[in-house]
Amino acid sequence: MKLYNPTPTPGTSAVSFAGLIEKIEILRSTLRWSSRLERPEIEKLLKQATTLRDEVMGLSHKERFVAAASAAGEPEAVVEPVEISARERRQALMERSFIFEGTFGDNPKLLEALEIAEKAAPTDLPVLIDGESGTGKELMAKVIHANGARTDKPFISVNCGAIPESLLESELFGHKKGAFTGAASDRRGKFESAHTGTIFLDEIGELPLPGQVKLLRVLEPHEIQRVGSDEVIAVDTRIVAATNKDLRRMSQEGTFREDLFYRLSVIHVTLPALRERRDEIPLLVSYFGDEAAGQLKRRPVTLTPRLRDFLLHYEYPGNIRELRNLMYRLSCLAGDTADFAHLPQDIRPKPTGLTAVGAAGGKASVTDLGTATSLSEAKRAASDEAERAFLERGLQEVGGTVAELARRFDMNRSHVQMLLKKHGIHSKDFRGNRQAGGK
């Protein structure tokens, strides 16, 4: 079977969109019409696909305009960056064959992190990823590994905070038989296991100072020594580190070596917290709901409207990891439908003692939804809860300014104040908490 030879024609550009499309179509045709491929043919097609992928990734949005200006005989022209939407930026990443499965949404901060990762991935430069716990730092490390030249090599993950200081050197660099009590045989360390691949040093901020010194010795000469051995072993390992701490501040305080910080952070990627990426929450709820259903071998759980509203507006101090755990908990504990009762007790909304203002200005109690004894009572309680949630969300968005809330709702200010009083809501509790994007 004859395969396409991707050698460029003399006098033509080796990298052009028309040429790439032609090559891709020939590859697709080869795969579509072949009834059987031998292993050498498969390997050749894979190499061709990799070459095409590298060429596409080399044609960034800005570079295309620079190339066009140069071809027109204007090498001195300065190309102004074109403003594109977040959705277009995300689509451009996908079109450049950048692999980032498992990340959702069009948040500008997340897209910026992905674009930095895209440029860093093909290199062997060290990368430092920081962000709050649960923001997906290990996933980002895997994205960088998957898009680099070492994608088919080992990816070794090390939790620096989980290794006892006495075993740290042995864990990272290995040991010789008899080096210490319990060393019954030779053992390779994590760096040897990651040779030619990527080593992910998670929670690097937890590494004690003696361990930091030992790590420095590896970063510069790319050599290690097993515990109890004088033999120097060369290791070719891409280093990606992650932390939820401020390493710059720690280096100033003397709890993290400044020279190690600068060597690790040649490329610095910051992941935003989930509360800054609220566009992702509905997607993640659906994704983890389906994932949990598959793991538990049951149908995806249905969320009550009030529970869904809670999940969309909860702050998630544990970020994506906490949201995933919540969806697994709801899927496990609930039957067909999940509600507040299936949330952990410490985050469950407190029952609201709803009150209504009577004709004489007195307060009359309103039945709680959970204790309603008739359909009409349940409807009234549900309506009051929805009204309360609507008011609280509005106050959060306007930073507790009642006048702004009234203007936004196109309501009389005194009527808004009456509703707030009805539900026992104090506008001062929301001051200074204006959400990003609120107007």
Protein backbone atom coordinates (compact mmCIF):
# COMPACT_ATOMS: atom_id res chain seq x y z
CA MET A 1 0.00 0.00 0.00
CA LYS A 2 1.46 3.35 -1.05
CA LEU A 3 1.36 6.11 1.52
CA TYR A 4 1.63 9.84 0.98
CA ASN A 5 5.17 11.22 1.05
CA PRO A 6 4.96 14.60 2.82
CA THR A 7 8.07 16.12 1.16
CA PRO A 8 7.36 19.76 0.24
CA THR A 9 7.46 20.75 -3.41
CA PRO A 10 10.50 22.94 -4.28
CA GLY A 11 9.63 26.61 -4.32
CA THR A 12 6.61 26.23 -2.04
CA SER A 13 6.29 27.00 1.64
CA ALA A 14 6.85 23.98 3.87
CA VAL A 15 4.19 25.29 6.23
CA SER A 16 1.00 26.68 4.68
CA PHE A 17 -2.64 26.20 5.49
CA ALA A 18 -3.53 24.97 1.99
CA GLY A 19 -0.67 22.48 2.14
CA LEU A 20 -1.67 21.28 5.59
CA ILE A 21 -5.28 20.76 4.54
CA GLU A 22 -4.10 18.75 1.52
CA LYS A 23 -1.89 16.55 3.69
CA ILE A 24 -4.65 15.98 6.24
CA GLU A 25 -7.15 15.01 3.53
CA ILE A 26 -4.69 12.53 2.04
CA LEU A 27 -4.13 10.98 5.46
CA ARG A 28 -7.89 10.72 6.02
CA SER A 29 -8.37 9.13 2.61
CA THR A 30 -5.58 6.64 3.31
CA LEU A 31 -7.23 5.60 6.57
CA ARG A 32 -10.76 5.56 5.13
CA TRP A 33 -10.09 3.34 2.11
CA SER A 34 -7.56 0.94 3.55
CA SER A 35 -9.05 -2.36 4.67
CA ARG A 36 -5.91 -3.42 6.48
CA LEU A 37 -2.73 -1.66 7.58
CA GLU A 38 0.53 -3.29 8.49
CA ARG A 39 2.45 -2.08 11.54
CA PRO A 40 5.13 -0.20 9.53
CA GLU A 41 2.37 1.63 7.62
CA ILE A 42 0.62 2.55 10.88
CA GLU A 43 3.86 3.90 12.33
CA LYS A 44 4.48 5.95 9.20
CA LEU A 45 0.98 7.44 9.37
CA LEU A 46 1.46 8.26 13.03
CA LYS A 47 4.73 10.05 12.26
CA GLN A 48 3.02 12.00 9.47
CA ALA A 49 0.16 12.97 11.81
CA THR A 50 2.69 14.13 14.41
CA THR A 51 4.48 16.23 11.81
CA LEU A 52 1.19 17.83 10.74
CA ARG A 53 0.28 18.53 14.35
CA ASP A 54 3.63 20.25 14.95
CA GLU A 55 3.19 22.35 11.83
CA VAL A 56 -0.31 23.44 12.84
CA MET A 57 0.86 24.35 16.34
CA GLY A 58 3.61 26.44 14.75
CA LEU A 59 1.07 28.62 12.98
CA SER A 60 -0.20 30.78 15.82
CA HIS A 61 -2.68 33.59 15.23
CA LYS A 62 -0.02 36.32 15.42
CA GLU A 63 2.59 34.43 13.40
CA ARG A 64 0.21 34.08 10.45
CA PHE A 65 -0.20 37.85 10.23
CA VAL A 66 3.56 38.40 10.58
CA ALA A 67 4.19 35.91 7.78
CA ALA A 68 1.63 37.65 5.57
CA ALA A 69 3.24 41.05 6.18
CA SER A 70 6.71 39.68 5.38
CA ALA A 71 5.49 38.07 2.15
CA ALA A 72 4.07 41.42 1.08
CA GLY A 73 7.53 42.97 1.38
CA GLU A 74 6.81 44.79 4.65
CA PRO A 75 9.23 43.21 7.11
CA GLU A 76 9.18 46.33 9.27
CA ALA A 77 5.40 46.33 9.69
CA VAL A 78 4.14 46.05 13.23
CA VAL A 79 1.11 43.82 13.50
CA GLU A 80 -1.38 44.94 16.11
CA PRO A 81 -2.88 42.03 18.06
CA VAL A 82 -6.47 41.33 17.07
CA GLU A 83 -8.93 41.27 19.97
CA ILE A 84 -10.85 38.01 19.98
CA SER A 85 -13.46 36.67 22.36
CA ALA A 86 -12.78 34.05 25.01
CA ARG A 87 -14.77 31.49 23.02
CA GLU A 88 -12.69 32.20 19.91
CA ARG A 89 -9.47 31.89 21.92
CA ARG A 90 -10.59 28.49 23.19
CA GLN A 91 -11.61 27.41 19.69
CA ALA A 92 -8.22 28.52 18.36
CA LEU A 93 -6.48 26.30 20.92
CA MET A 94 -8.53 23.33 19.72
CA GLU A 95 -7.87 24.09 16.07
CA ARG A 96 -4.14 24.14 16.77
CA SER A 97 -4.52 20.55 18.01
CA PHE A 98 -3.69 21.53 21.59
CA ILE A 99 -4.83 18.72 23.88
CA PHE A 100 -6.57 19.95 27.03
CA GLU A 101 -9.31 17.44 27.81
CA GLY A 102 -10.80 17.82 31.28
CA THR A 103 -10.70 21.63 31.36
CA PHE A 104 -13.90 23.53 30.79
CA GLY A 105 -15.23 27.03 30.22
CA ASP A 106 -13.97 30.20 28.57
CA ASN A 107 -12.60 32.05 31.60
CA PRO A 108 -9.87 34.48 30.41
CA LYS A 109 -7.50 33.56 33.26
CA LEU A 110 -7.84 29.85 32.48
CA LEU A 111 -7.33 30.48 28.76
CA GLU A 112 -4.23 32.53 29.54
CA ALA A 113 -2.86 29.60 31.56
CA LEU A 114 -3.61 27.20 28.70
CA GLU A 115 -1.94 29.47 26.15
CA ILE A 116 1.20 29.67 28.32
CA ALA A 117 1.12 25.87 28.66
CA GLU A 118 0.77 25.51 24.88
CA LYS A 119 3.94 27.51 24.28
CA ALA A 120 5.89 25.84 27.10
CA ALA A 121 4.89 22.24 26.33
CA PRO A 122 7.19 21.60 23.33
CA THR A 123 10.22 22.82 25.31
CA ASP A 124 12.08 21.19 28.21
CA LEU A 125 11.94 24.31 30.38
CA PRO A 126 10.88 23.83 34.04
CA VAL A 127 7.29 24.87 34.77
CA LEU A 128 5.84 26.01 38.10
CA ILE A 129 2.05 25.78 38.45
CA ASP A 130 0.42 27.55 41.36
CA GLY A 131 -3.15 27.91 42.51
CA GLU A 132 -5.44 27.01 45.36
CA SER A 133 -5.90 23.39 46.37
CA GLY A 134 -8.21 21.56 44.00
CA THR A 135 -7.87 23.90 40.99
CA GLY A 136 -6.46 21.17 38.73
CA LYS A 137 -2.70 21.65 38.97
CA GLU A 138 -1.90 17.98 38.27
CA LEU A 139 -4.28 18.03 35.31
CA MET A 140 -2.40 21.05 33.93
CA ALA A 141 0.90 19.20 34.41
CA LYS A 142 -0.51 16.30 32.38
CA VAL A 143 -1.69 18.75 29.70
CA ILE A 144 1.87 20.09 29.40
CA HIS A 145 3.27 16.54 29.24
CA ALA A 146 0.69 15.42 26.66
CA ASN A 147 1.51 18.29 24.30
CA GLY A 148 5.30 17.98 24.52
CA ALA A 149 7.90 15.83 22.80
CA ARG A 150 7.85 13.40 25.76
CA THR A 151 4.16 12.51 25.50
CA ASP A 152 4.89 8.79 24.97
CA LYS A 153 7.42 8.72 27.84
CA PRO A 154 6.77 8.24 31.58
CA PHE A 155 4.83 10.80 33.63
CA ILE A 156 5.81 10.29 37.29
CA SER A 157 3.89 12.15 40.01
CA VAL A 158 5.46 12.80 43.43
CA ASN A 159 3.63 14.34 46.40
CA CYS A 160 6.45 16.14 48.19
CA GLY A 161 4.30 16.74 51.25
CA ALA A 162 3.55 13.06 51.78
CA ILE A 163 7.15 11.78 51.96
CA PRO A 164 8.81 11.64 55.43
CA GLU A 165 11.98 13.74 55.48
CA SER A 166 14.07 10.68 56.43
CA LEU A 167 12.93 8.85 53.27
CA LEU A 168 12.91 11.81 50.88
CA GLU A 169 16.35 11.23 49.32
CA SER A 170 15.71 7.52 48.85
CA GLU A 171 12.27 8.19 47.34
CA LEU A 172 13.55 10.73 44.84
CA PHE A 173 16.96 9.30 43.96
CA GLY A 174 16.79 5.62 44.97
CA HIS A 175 19.21 3.63 47.13
CA LYS A 176 21.72 0.79 47.05
CA LYS A 177 21.22 -2.46 48.85
CA GLY A 178 22.34 -2.14 52.48
CA ALA A 179 22.44 1.67 52.40
CA PHE A 180 20.27 1.74 55.55
CA THR A 181 18.21 -0.60 57.67
CA GLY A 182 15.49 -2.08 55.52
CA ALA A 183 17.25 -1.49 52.19
CA ALA A 184 17.13 -5.15 51.18
CA SER A 185 17.76 -4.51 47.48
CA ASP A 186 18.72 -1.83 45.00
CA ARG A 187 15.87 0.55 44.26
CA ARG A 188 15.34 3.15 41.57
CA GLY A 189 14.06 6.56 42.64
CA LYS A 190 11.40 8.72 41.03
CA PHE A 191 13.92 10.64 38.91
CA GLU A 192 15.27 7.46 37.36
CA SER A 193 11.74 6.22 36.74
CA ALA A 194 10.95 9.49 34.95
CA HIS A 195 14.09 9.31 32.76
CA THR A 196 13.29 10.72 29.25
CA GLY A 197 9.84 11.69 30.55
CA THR A 198 8.31 14.18 32.99
CA ILE A 199 8.45 14.28 36.78
CA PHE A 200 5.63 16.17 38.51
CA LEU A 201 6.65 17.52 41.93
CA ASP A 202 3.32 18.27 43.61
CA GLU A 203 3.17 20.40 46.79
CA ILE A 204 6.76 21.53 46.22
CA GLY A 205 6.26 24.15 48.94
CA GLU A 206 6.13 21.34 51.53
CA LEU A 207 9.66 20.17 50.65
CA PRO A 208 11.97 20.71 53.67
CA LEU A 209 15.09 22.82 53.22
CA PRO A 210 17.52 19.83 53.18
CA GLY A 211 15.40 18.29 50.41
CA GLN A 212 15.47 21.57 48.50
CA VAL A 213 19.27 21.53 48.53
CA LYS A 214 19.33 17.97 47.14
CA LEU A 215 16.83 18.90 44.45
CA LEU A 216 19.02 21.82 43.36
CA ARG A 217 21.86 19.39 42.66
CA VAL A 218 19.65 17.61 40.13
CA LEU A 219 18.32 20.67 38.32
CA GLU A 220 21.68 22.03 37.18
CA PRO A 221 23.86 19.00 36.18
CA HIS A 222 20.90 16.61 35.61
CA GLU A 223 22.67 13.95 37.62
CA ILE A 224 21.70 11.95 40.70
CA GLN A 225 23.34 9.58 43.15
CA ARG A 226 21.50 6.79 44.86
CA VAL A 227 21.71 6.73 48.64
CA GLY A 228 24.74 4.63 49.61
CA SER A 229 26.35 4.83 46.16
CA ASP A 230 29.16 6.92 44.67
CA GLU A 231 27.98 6.25 41.12
CA VAL A 232 26.71 9.32 39.25
CA ILE A 233 23.65 8.61 37.09
CA ALA A 234 22.63 11.03 34.32
CA VAL A 235 18.88 11.67 34.13
CA ASP A 236 17.02 13.44 31.32
CA THR A 237 13.84 14.56 33.02
CA ARG A 238 11.40 17.42 32.38
CA ILE A 239 10.43 19.01 35.70
CA VAL A 240 6.96 20.39 36.39
CA ALA A 241 6.26 21.55 39.96
CA ALA A 242 3.07 22.70 41.65
CA THR A 243 2.14 24.48 44.85
CA ASN A 244 -0.77 26.14 46.61
CA LYS A 245 1.61 28.41 48.51
CA ASP A 246 3.26 31.72 47.68
CA LEU A 247 6.82 30.53 47.03
CA ARG A 248 8.08 34.04 46.33
CA ARG A 249 6.97 35.17 49.79
CA MET A 250 8.36 31.98 51.33
CA SER A 251 11.74 32.62 49.68
CA GLN A 252 11.77 36.13 51.14
CA GLU A 253 11.00 34.66 54.57
CA GLY A 254 13.74 32.07 54.22
CA THR A 255 11.48 29.00 54.26
CA PHE A 256 12.01 28.24 50.57
CA ARG A 257 15.32 28.61 48.75
CA GLU A 258 15.29 31.59 46.41
CA ASP A 259 17.63 29.95 43.89
CA LEU A 260 15.35 26.89 43.72
CA PHE A 261 12.29 29.11 43.22
CA TYR A 262 13.85 30.87 40.23
CA ARG A 263 15.04 27.62 38.67
CA LEU A 264 11.62 26.02 38.98
CA SER A 265 9.64 29.05 37.77
CA VAL A 266 11.23 29.63 34.37
CA ILE A 267 7.66 29.23 33.08
CA HIS A 268 5.04 30.26 35.65
CA VAL A 269 1.39 29.21 35.26
CA THR A 270 -1.33 30.38 37.67
CA LEU A 271 -4.70 28.60 37.81
CA PRO A 272 -7.69 30.68 38.95
CA ALA A 273 -10.00 29.44 41.70
CA LEU A 274 -13.34 27.92 40.71
CA ARG A 275 -15.22 30.92 42.17
CA GLU A 276 -13.44 32.99 39.50
CA ARG A 277 -14.54 30.55 36.77
CA ARG A 278 -18.27 30.28 37.49
CA ASP A 279 -19.05 29.65 33.83
CA GLU A 280 -17.52 26.20 34.33
CA ILE A 281 -19.73 25.16 37.25
CA PRO A 282 -22.80 24.01 35.23
CA LEU A 283 -20.51 22.06 32.88
CA LEU A 284 -18.65 20.46 35.79
CA VAL A 285 -21.89 19.57 37.60
CA SER A 286 -23.09 17.76 34.50
CA TYR A 287 -19.70 16.16 33.77
CA PHE A 288 -19.09 14.86 37.29
CA GLY A 289 -22.74 13.80 37.63
CA ASP A 290 -22.36 11.59 34.56
CA GLU A 291 -18.94 10.37 35.74
CA ALA A 292 -20.32 9.42 39.15
CA ALA A 293 -23.29 7.65 37.57
CA GLY A 294 -20.92 5.59 35.46
CA GLN A 295 -18.76 4.68 38.46
CA LEU A 296 -21.78 3.77 40.61
CA LYS A 297 -23.58 2.03 37.70
CA ARG A 298 -26.79 4.00 38.07
CA ARG A 299 -28.68 6.75 36.30
CA PRO A 300 -27.44 10.34 36.74
CA VAL A 301 -29.02 11.94 39.78
CA THR A 302 -31.58 14.72 39.32
CA LEU A 303 -31.01 17.91 41.33
CA THR A 304 -33.87 19.91 42.82
CA PRO A 305 -33.99 23.52 41.58
CA ARG A 306 -32.91 24.89 44.95
CA LEU A 307 -29.98 22.45 45.18
CA ARG A 308 -28.86 23.32 41.65
CA ASP A 309 -29.05 27.01 42.55
CA PHE A 310 -26.96 26.32 45.66
CA LEU A 311 -24.31 24.44 43.65
CA LEU A 312 -24.11 27.26 41.10
CA HIS A 313 -23.51 29.94 43.76
CA TYR A 314 -21.54 28.08 46.44
CA GLU A 315 -18.00 29.45 46.95
CA TYR A 316 -16.16 26.06 46.73
CA PRO A 317 -13.14 26.60 49.00
CA GLY A 318 -11.95 23.17 47.80
CA ASN A 319 -12.45 24.21 44.16
CA ILE A 320 -12.96 21.58 41.43
CA ARG A 321 -12.01 18.70 43.73
CA GLU A 322 -14.72 19.71 46.20
CA LEU A 323 -17.34 19.99 43.44
CA ARG A 324 -16.40 16.54 42.15
CA ASN A 325 -16.64 15.03 45.64
CA LEU A 326 -20.04 16.69 46.16
CA MET A 327 -21.44 15.23 42.94
CA TYR A 328 -20.18 11.76 43.90
CA ARG A 329 -21.74 12.13 47.36
CA LEU A 330 -25.09 13.26 45.93
CA SER A 331 -25.07 10.45 43.38
CA CYS A 332 -24.34 7.89 46.10
CA LEU A 333 -26.70 9.06 48.86
CA ALA A 334 -29.71 10.25 46.88
CA GLY A 335 -32.20 8.07 45.07
CA ASP A 336 -33.49 9.59 41.86
CA THR A 337 -33.48 13.17 43.17
CA ALA A 338 -30.94 14.96 45.40
CA ASP A 339 -31.76 17.86 47.72
CA PHE A 340 -30.20 19.83 50.60
CA ALA A 341 -30.51 16.83 52.92
CA HIS A 342 -27.87 14.99 50.87
CA LEU A 343 -25.24 17.74 51.26
CA PRO A 344 -22.58 17.54 53.99
CA GLN A 345 -23.90 18.98 57.25
CA ASP A 346 -21.21 21.68 57.46
CA ILE A 347 -22.17 23.33 54.16
CA ARG A 348 -25.90 22.62 54.20
CA PRO A 349 -27.94 25.86 54.11
CA LYS A 350 -29.47 26.62 57.48
CA PRO A 351 -33.27 26.37 57.62
CA THR A 352 -34.62 29.89 57.20
CA GLY A 353 -37.26 31.07 59.61
CA LEU A 354 -39.27 32.78 56.87
CA THR A 355 -41.58 35.52 58.00
CA ALA A 356 -44.26 37.56 56.31
CA VAL A 357 -45.26 41.11 57.11
CA GLY A 358 -48.90 41.29 58.14
CA ALA A 359 -51.34 44.06 57.36
CA ALA A 360 -50.66 45.73 60.71
CA GLY A 361 -46.92 45.50 60.27
CA GLY A 362 -46.56 42.47 62.52
CA LYS A 363 -44.64 39.33 61.49
CA ALA A 364 -46.52 36.12 60.82
CA SER A 365 -44.61 32.85 60.53
CA VAL A 366 -44.43 31.12 57.17
CA THR A 367 -44.27 27.33 56.93
CA ASP A 368 -40.84 25.84 56.15
CA LEU A 369 -40.81 23.81 52.92
CA GLY A 370 -39.66 20.71 54.80
CA THR A 371 -42.55 20.90 57.29
CA ALA A 372 -45.37 21.82 54.93
CA THR A 373 -48.56 19.82 55.53
CA SER A 374 -50.40 20.77 52.34
CA LEU A 375 -49.60 21.48 48.71
CA SER A 376 -50.52 25.15 49.04
CA GLU A 377 -48.18 25.55 52.01
CA ALA A 378 -45.36 23.85 50.12
CA LYS A 379 -45.88 26.12 47.10
CA ARG A 380 -45.89 29.23 49.30
CA ALA A 381 -42.72 28.14 51.12
CA ALA A 382 -40.96 27.27 47.85
CA SER A 383 -41.92 30.66 46.41
CA ASP A 384 -40.53 32.44 49.48
CA GLU A 385 -37.27 30.49 49.32
CA ALA A 386 -36.85 31.34 45.64
CA GLU A 387 -37.56 35.01 46.39
CA ARG A 388 -35.01 35.04 49.19
CA ALA A 389 -32.33 33.39 47.02
CA PHE A 390 -33.05 35.90 44.23
CA LEU A 391 -32.64 38.87 46.59
CA GLU A 392 -29.43 37.51 48.14
CA ARG A 393 -27.89 36.86 44.74
CA GLY A 394 -28.81 40.37 43.61
CA LEU A 395 -27.27 41.95 46.72
CA GLN A 396 -24.12 39.89 46.18
CA GLU A 397 -23.81 41.21 42.64
CA VAL A 398 -24.35 44.89 43.56
CA GLY A 399 -22.21 44.80 46.69
CA GLY A 400 -25.11 45.34 49.10
CA THR A 401 -26.34 48.62 47.56
CA VAL A 402 -30.16 48.63 47.90
CA ALA A 403 -30.62 51.57 45.51
CA GLU A 404 -28.64 49.77 42.80
CA LEU A 405 -30.62 46.57 43.43
CA ALA A 406 -33.91 48.48 43.07
CA ARG A 407 -32.69 50.06 39.83
CA ARG A 408 -31.63 46.69 38.46
CA PHE A 409 -35.01 45.10 39.33
CA ASP A 410 -36.91 48.20 38.14
CA MET A 411 -38.67 48.33 41.51
CA ASN A 412 -39.43 50.99 44.08
CA ARG A 413 -36.65 51.18 46.67
CA SER A 414 -39.09 51.05 49.59
CA HIS A 415 -40.64 47.87 48.18
CA VAL A 416 -37.19 46.25 47.92
CA GLN A 417 -36.49 47.23 51.53
CA MET A 418 -39.81 45.69 52.57
CA LEU A 419 -38.88 42.41 50.85
CA LEU A 420 -35.47 42.41 52.54
CA LYS A 421 -37.14 42.98 55.91
CA LYS A 422 -39.61 40.18 55.19
CA HIS A 423 -36.77 37.68 54.76
CA GLY A 424 -34.56 39.09 57.51
CA ILE A 425 -31.84 40.01 54.98
CA HIS A 426 -29.40 42.79 55.94
CA SER A 427 -27.83 44.62 52.99
CA LYS A 428 -24.75 45.51 55.06
CA ASP A 429 -23.80 41.81 55.13
CA PHE A 430 -23.16 41.98 51.37
CA ARG A 431 -21.17 45.20 51.19
CA GLY A 432 -17.71 44.86 49.68
CA ASN A 433 -18.63 41.48 48.13
CA ARG A 434 -19.48 42.63 44.63
CA GLN A 435 -18.98 39.69 42.23
CA ALA A 436 -16.62 39.99 39.27
CA GLY A 437 -18.60 40.98 36.23
CA GLY A 438 -21.38 42.59 38.27
CA LYS A 439 -22.65 45.91 36.95
